[in-house]
Amino acid sequence: MIGFRAAIAGMGCQLGPAVLAGTRALLVDEQEQLARLAPRPVVDVPYGEHPRQCLDIYAPEDRADKRPVLVWVHGGGFLKEAKSDPTHPFNAHFGRFAARKGMLGVVINYRLAPDSVWPSGPEDLALVVDWLKIHAGEHGGDPERIVLAGTSAGAAHIAGYLKHRPDRENIRGAVLLSGLYGFTPLEDRDRIYFGENPDHDAERLPAPAVADTAIPLFVAFAEFDLPRFQAESLGLLQARLERGGRIPRGTIAIGHNHYSIGYHIGTADRRLSDEIIAFVRDCTARKK
């Protein structure tokens, strides 16, 4: 653990191909070993008409019924990444992790910018939830106990979904890791998805709505996240406190960066994953 933290710290609070490659290199062996032990998923199930609107399903081997459904929404700056990739185990790792914890794991693709822009992310998540309401039971999941989890752009899309569909009848909770919610100014890269006109930012960014929703949140950022991602998470926690009198559950992922906060889930470092699972179980046990 000390060696891992030192390596992450040595990369600094940065993004970019070199940091991404270095972070993956630290985690790939363990995640690939876990992948070799996992049951085969049901892959490329369409939830919409676009080629990117598809998902993979990871079920525990015992195939019991009425399991909580834990959905993973990958990051990638609104522009890239996928639910699975033959060159690495990441993103698919979260579905395997959910299945090992006795849940139905669902890992999705969504439409990417620049071809698909706001509000494509929230729209795709609405389609995913609607699909699960109908079909989760066919795979052992409970359509009344859905929790969304995502990192970076994936967390931003979930926050947008909470603005688009704030009704607690749809999902039981949301896990937001190092996302953008509208508490800091947009950067040029973000505008590829959200649009160039800042006059539309208040409409398109989810900050007020995600703070007001009654849907339970778990909010986390990484020790070595960029300052803006730290500020975004703190802004969301503060807004929830001001509006509801209490902050959501959450944590700082010590020893992690913007990439490893998501990629390490399911490894021997269980500090964050244990808290996520405890949150999901509390949300899905609670009666509406």
Protein backbone atom coordinates (compact mmCIF):
# COMPACT_ATOMS: atom_id res chain seq x y z
CA MET A 1 0.00 0.00 0.00
CA ILE A 2 2.82 2.43 0.82
CA GLY A 3 4.49 1.71 -2.52
CA PHE A 4 1.25 2.25 -4.40
CA ARG A 5 0.55 5.56 -2.68
CA ALA A 6 4.08 6.75 -3.34
CA ALA A 7 3.74 5.89 -7.02
CA ILE A 8 0.40 7.69 -7.27
CA ALA A 9 1.75 10.69 -5.38
CA GLY A 10 4.72 10.80 -7.73
CA MET A 11 2.39 11.29 -10.67
CA GLY A 12 0.95 14.41 -9.03
CA CYS A 13 -2.56 15.85 -9.30
CA GLN A 14 -2.58 15.54 -13.07
CA LEU A 15 -4.54 14.04 -15.95
CA GLY A 16 -3.25 12.81 -19.27
CA PRO A 17 -2.09 9.71 -21.15
CA ALA A 18 1.08 9.19 -19.09
CA VAL A 19 -0.77 9.33 -15.76
CA LEU A 20 -3.53 7.10 -17.10
CA ALA A 21 -1.02 4.51 -18.34
CA GLY A 22 0.97 4.65 -15.12
CA THR A 23 -2.14 4.22 -12.99
CA ARG A 24 -3.39 1.28 -15.03
CA ALA A 25 0.00 -0.39 -14.80
CA LEU A 26 -0.22 -0.33 -11.00
CA LEU A 27 -3.59 -2.10 -10.98
CA VAL A 28 -3.80 -4.20 -14.13
CA ASP A 29 -2.28 -7.44 -12.78
CA GLU A 30 -4.66 -7.69 -9.84
CA GLN A 31 -7.71 -6.79 -11.90
CA GLU A 32 -6.78 -9.26 -14.64
CA GLN A 33 -6.38 -12.02 -12.06
CA LEU A 34 -9.84 -11.23 -10.69
CA ALA A 35 -11.21 -11.26 -14.23
CA ARG A 36 -9.93 -14.78 -14.84
CA LEU A 37 -11.86 -16.03 -11.81
CA ALA A 38 -15.17 -14.35 -12.70
CA PRO A 39 -18.21 -15.93 -14.38
CA ARG A 40 -18.83 -14.93 -17.98
CA PRO A 41 -21.10 -11.92 -18.39
CA VAL A 42 -24.01 -11.42 -20.74
CA VAL A 43 -22.58 -8.86 -23.15
CA ASP A 44 -23.71 -6.19 -25.60
CA VAL A 45 -27.35 -6.17 -24.58
CA PRO A 46 -29.06 -3.22 -26.33
CA TYR A 47 -31.02 -0.76 -24.22
CA GLY A 48 -31.58 1.68 -27.10
CA GLU A 49 -31.18 1.99 -30.84
CA HIS A 50 -27.74 3.66 -31.04
CA PRO A 51 -24.73 1.27 -31.29
CA ARG A 52 -23.30 2.73 -28.06
CA GLN A 53 -26.55 2.11 -26.18
CA CYS A 54 -25.67 -1.33 -24.88
CA LEU A 55 -24.72 -2.92 -21.57
CA ASP A 56 -23.06 -5.97 -20.02
CA ILE A 57 -24.56 -7.93 -17.13
CA TYR A 58 -22.54 -9.64 -14.39
CA ALA A 59 -24.48 -12.06 -12.18
CA PRO A 60 -23.26 -14.11 -9.21
CA GLU A 61 -22.85 -17.80 -9.90
CA ASP A 62 -25.67 -18.89 -7.59
CA ARG A 63 -28.26 -17.10 -9.77
CA ALA A 64 -30.53 -16.14 -6.89
CA ASP A 65 -33.39 -13.70 -7.52
CA LYS A 66 -34.21 -10.17 -6.37
CA ARG A 67 -30.66 -8.93 -5.96
CA PRO A 68 -29.81 -5.22 -5.75
CA VAL A 69 -28.72 -3.86 -9.13
CA LEU A 70 -25.50 -1.83 -9.19
CA VAL A 71 -24.87 0.06 -12.44
CA TRP A 72 -21.41 1.38 -13.43
CA VAL A 73 -21.11 4.45 -15.67
CA HIS A 74 -17.53 4.84 -16.93
CA GLY A 75 -15.51 8.04 -17.21
CA GLY A 76 -13.52 9.35 -20.15
CA GLY A 77 -14.04 13.09 -20.32
CA PHE A 78 -17.33 12.68 -22.26
CA LEU A 79 -15.24 11.63 -25.28
CA LYS A 80 -13.96 8.08 -24.83
CA GLU A 81 -13.78 4.78 -22.91
CA ALA A 82 -16.14 1.82 -22.93
CA LYS A 83 -17.79 -0.74 -20.70
CA SER A 84 -15.15 -3.32 -21.66
CA ASP A 85 -11.97 -3.49 -23.70
CA PRO A 86 -9.96 -6.55 -24.76
CA THR A 87 -6.72 -4.69 -23.99
CA HIS A 88 -7.44 -4.07 -20.30
CA PRO A 89 -9.80 -5.18 -17.50
CA PHE A 90 -11.03 -1.75 -16.39
CA ASN A 91 -14.71 -0.70 -16.27
CA ALA A 92 -15.68 -4.36 -16.66
CA HIS A 93 -13.98 -4.78 -13.29
CA PHE A 94 -16.84 -2.97 -11.56
CA GLY A 95 -19.43 -5.41 -12.86
CA ARG A 96 -17.36 -8.32 -11.61
CA PHE A 97 -16.93 -6.59 -8.26
CA ALA A 98 -20.70 -6.11 -7.88
CA ALA A 99 -21.32 -9.76 -8.69
CA ARG A 100 -18.76 -10.90 -6.10
CA LYS A 101 -20.68 -8.85 -3.55
CA GLY A 102 -23.90 -10.69 -4.34
CA MET A 103 -25.41 -8.01 -6.56
CA LEU A 104 -26.34 -7.83 -10.21
CA GLY A 105 -23.58 -5.79 -11.82
CA VAL A 106 -24.43 -3.77 -14.94
CA VAL A 107 -21.77 -1.88 -16.90
CA ILE A 108 -22.99 0.43 -19.64
CA ASN A 109 -21.81 2.24 -22.72
CA TYR A 110 -23.34 5.62 -23.52
CA ARG A 111 -23.16 7.97 -26.48
CA LEU A 112 -20.00 10.07 -26.69
CA ALA A 113 -19.20 13.64 -27.66
CA PRO A 114 -18.68 15.30 -30.05
CA ASP A 115 -21.28 13.32 -31.98
CA SER A 116 -23.64 13.23 -28.99
CA VAL A 117 -23.84 16.21 -26.65
CA TRP A 118 -25.93 17.34 -23.67
CA PRO A 119 -28.40 15.92 -22.66
CA SER A 120 -27.40 12.59 -24.23
CA GLY A 121 -25.87 11.29 -20.97
CA PRO A 122 -28.96 11.72 -18.78
CA GLU A 123 -31.14 10.48 -21.63
CA ASP A 124 -29.08 7.30 -21.96
CA LEU A 125 -29.23 6.67 -18.21
CA ALA A 126 -33.00 7.10 -18.30
CA LEU A 127 -33.14 4.43 -21.01
CA VAL A 128 -30.89 2.15 -18.93
CA VAL A 129 -33.10 2.50 -15.86
CA ASP A 130 -36.25 1.95 -17.93
CA TRP A 131 -34.69 -1.17 -19.46
CA LEU A 132 -33.72 -2.52 -16.04
CA LYS A 133 -37.20 -1.89 -14.67
CA ILE A 134 -38.47 -4.33 -17.30
CA HIS A 135 -35.59 -6.80 -17.66
CA ALA A 136 -33.50 -6.88 -14.46
CA GLY A 137 -35.63 -9.67 -13.05
CA GLU A 138 -34.72 -11.91 -16.00
CA HIS A 139 -31.12 -11.86 -14.75
CA GLY A 140 -31.82 -12.15 -11.03
CA GLY A 141 -31.97 -8.44 -10.25
CA ASP A 142 -34.60 -6.50 -8.36
CA PRO A 143 -35.92 -3.65 -10.55
CA GLU A 144 -37.03 -1.81 -7.42
CA ARG A 145 -33.49 -1.70 -6.00
CA ILE A 146 -31.28 0.05 -8.54
CA VAL A 147 -28.23 2.12 -7.58
CA LEU A 148 -26.18 4.10 -10.11
CA ALA A 149 -22.42 4.51 -9.65
CA GLY A 150 -20.00 6.40 -11.86
CA THR A 151 -16.70 8.20 -12.04
CA SER A 152 -15.65 11.48 -13.69
CA ALA A 153 -17.86 12.00 -16.77
CA GLY A 154 -19.93 9.03 -15.63
CA ALA A 155 -20.62 10.77 -12.31
CA ALA A 156 -21.54 13.94 -14.23
CA HIS A 157 -24.03 11.97 -16.31
CA ILE A 158 -25.56 10.46 -13.18
CA ALA A 159 -25.89 13.94 -11.66
CA GLY A 160 -27.58 15.06 -14.85
CA TYR A 161 -29.93 12.10 -14.59
CA LEU A 162 -30.83 13.12 -11.03
CA LYS A 163 -31.82 16.52 -12.40
CA HIS A 164 -33.74 14.91 -15.25
CA ARG A 165 -35.46 12.28 -13.08
CA PRO A 166 -35.42 13.23 -9.38
CA ASP A 167 -38.18 10.78 -8.38
CA ARG A 168 -37.03 8.19 -5.84
CA GLU A 169 -39.27 5.64 -7.52
CA ASN A 170 -36.65 5.28 -10.26
CA ILE A 171 -33.47 4.51 -8.29
CA ARG A 172 -32.52 3.98 -4.66
CA GLY A 173 -29.21 5.85 -4.58
CA ALA A 174 -26.24 7.23 -6.49
CA VAL A 175 -22.46 6.88 -6.01
CA LEU A 176 -20.58 9.87 -7.45
CA LEU A 177 -16.79 9.62 -7.75
CA SER A 178 -14.75 12.67 -8.82
CA GLY A 179 -17.43 14.16 -11.04
CA LEU A 180 -18.38 17.54 -12.47
CA TYR A 181 -21.63 18.91 -11.09
CA GLY A 182 -21.55 22.64 -11.84
CA PHE A 183 -19.80 24.11 -8.81
CA THR A 184 -16.71 25.23 -10.77
CA PRO A 185 -16.38 26.90 -14.20
CA LEU A 186 -16.44 24.66 -17.24
CA GLU A 187 -13.21 24.14 -19.16
CA ASP A 188 -12.80 23.99 -22.94
CA ARG A 189 -12.86 20.19 -22.99
CA ASP A 190 -16.14 20.13 -21.06
CA ARG A 191 -17.76 22.44 -23.61
CA ILE A 192 -17.42 19.81 -26.31
CA TYR A 193 -20.26 18.08 -24.45
CA PHE A 194 -22.08 20.90 -22.63
CA GLY A 195 -21.94 23.47 -25.44
CA GLU A 196 -20.05 26.69 -26.12
CA ASN A 197 -22.62 29.19 -24.87
CA PRO A 198 -22.14 29.93 -21.13
CA ASP A 199 -25.67 31.35 -21.02
CA HIS A 200 -26.89 27.74 -21.12
CA ASP A 201 -24.70 26.49 -18.28
CA ALA A 202 -27.28 26.97 -15.52
CA GLU A 203 -29.79 24.94 -17.49
CA ARG A 204 -27.42 22.16 -18.40
CA LEU A 205 -25.31 21.73 -15.28
CA PRO A 206 -27.00 19.73 -12.53
CA ALA A 207 -25.67 21.55 -9.42
CA PRO A 208 -28.93 22.86 -7.85
CA ALA A 209 -30.99 19.81 -8.75
CA VAL A 210 -28.48 17.22 -7.56
CA ALA A 211 -28.22 19.08 -4.27
CA ASP A 212 -32.00 19.21 -3.83
CA THR A 213 -32.93 15.64 -4.75
CA ALA A 214 -34.00 13.32 -1.95
CA ILE A 215 -32.19 10.41 -3.58
CA PRO A 216 -29.36 9.30 -1.24
CA LEU A 217 -25.86 10.16 -2.42
CA PHE A 218 -22.39 8.82 -1.73
CA VAL A 219 -19.79 11.41 -2.80
CA ALA A 220 -16.04 10.81 -3.01
CA PHE A 221 -12.95 12.33 -4.54
CA ALA A 222 -9.30 11.30 -4.56
CA GLU A 223 -6.43 12.64 -2.47
CA PHE A 224 -4.51 13.34 -5.68
CA ASP A 225 -7.46 14.55 -7.74
CA LEU A 226 -7.19 17.80 -9.64
CA PRO A 227 -8.27 20.70 -7.41
CA ARG A 228 -11.38 21.30 -9.52
CA PHE A 229 -12.68 17.78 -8.86
CA GLN A 230 -12.06 18.23 -5.17
CA ALA A 231 -13.90 21.57 -5.28
CA GLU A 232 -16.80 20.01 -7.19
CA SER A 233 -17.31 17.31 -4.57
CA LEU A 234 -16.97 19.76 -1.69
CA GLY A 235 -19.42 22.10 -3.41
CA LEU A 236 -21.96 19.31 -3.67
CA LEU A 237 -21.49 18.31 -0.03
CA GLN A 238 -21.88 21.94 1.08
CA ALA A 239 -24.98 22.47 -1.07
CA ARG A 240 -26.62 19.37 0.35
CA LEU A 241 -25.81 20.57 3.87
CA GLU A 242 -27.35 23.99 3.22
CA ARG A 243 -30.49 22.59 1.63
CA GLY A 244 -31.11 19.51 3.75
CA GLY A 245 -29.32 20.13 7.02
CA ARG A 246 -26.86 17.29 6.57
CA ILE A 247 -24.16 16.20 4.18
CA PRO A 248 -24.35 12.99 2.15
CA ARG A 249 -22.23 10.00 2.94
CA GLY A 250 -18.81 10.11 1.35
CA THR A 251 -15.07 10.01 1.76
CA ILE A 252 -11.69 11.08 0.45
CA ALA A 253 -9.96 8.19 -1.29
CA ILE A 254 -6.52 8.47 0.32
CA GLY A 255 -3.63 7.36 -1.85
CA HIS A 256 -5.58 7.58 -5.10
CA ASN A 257 -5.81 9.85 -8.12
CA HIS A 258 -8.54 10.73 -10.59
CA TYR A 259 -8.12 7.43 -12.42
CA SER A 260 -7.36 5.00 -9.62
CA ILE A 261 -10.39 6.04 -7.54
CA GLY A 262 -12.50 4.05 -9.99
CA TYR A 263 -10.03 1.53 -11.37
CA HIS A 264 -9.00 0.09 -7.99
CA ILE A 265 -12.51 -0.93 -6.92
CA GLY A 266 -12.54 -4.63 -6.09
CA THR A 267 -8.83 -4.91 -5.29
CA ALA A 268 -7.25 -5.66 -1.92
CA ASP A 269 -7.55 -1.97 -1.04
CA ARG A 270 -11.10 -2.21 0.31
CA ARG A 271 -11.41 1.14 2.08
CA LEU A 272 -13.55 2.83 -0.56
CA SER A 273 -15.27 -0.28 -1.92
CA ASP A 274 -16.42 -1.34 1.55
CA GLU A 275 -18.00 2.06 2.10
CA ILE A 276 -19.70 1.92 -1.29
CA ILE A 277 -21.13 -1.53 -0.61
CA ALA A 278 -22.35 -0.47 2.85
CA PHE A 279 -24.08 2.54 1.25
CA VAL A 280 -25.67 0.40 -1.47
CA ARG A 281 -26.94 -2.15 1.04
CA ASP A 282 -28.40 0.55 3.25
CA CYS A 283 -30.13 2.20 0.28
CA THR A 284 -31.53 -1.02 -1.09
CA ALA A 285 -32.67 -2.32 2.31
CA ARG A 286 -34.62 0.81 3.10
CA LYS A 287 -38.34 0.74 2.33
CA LYS A 288 -39.72 3.52 0.14
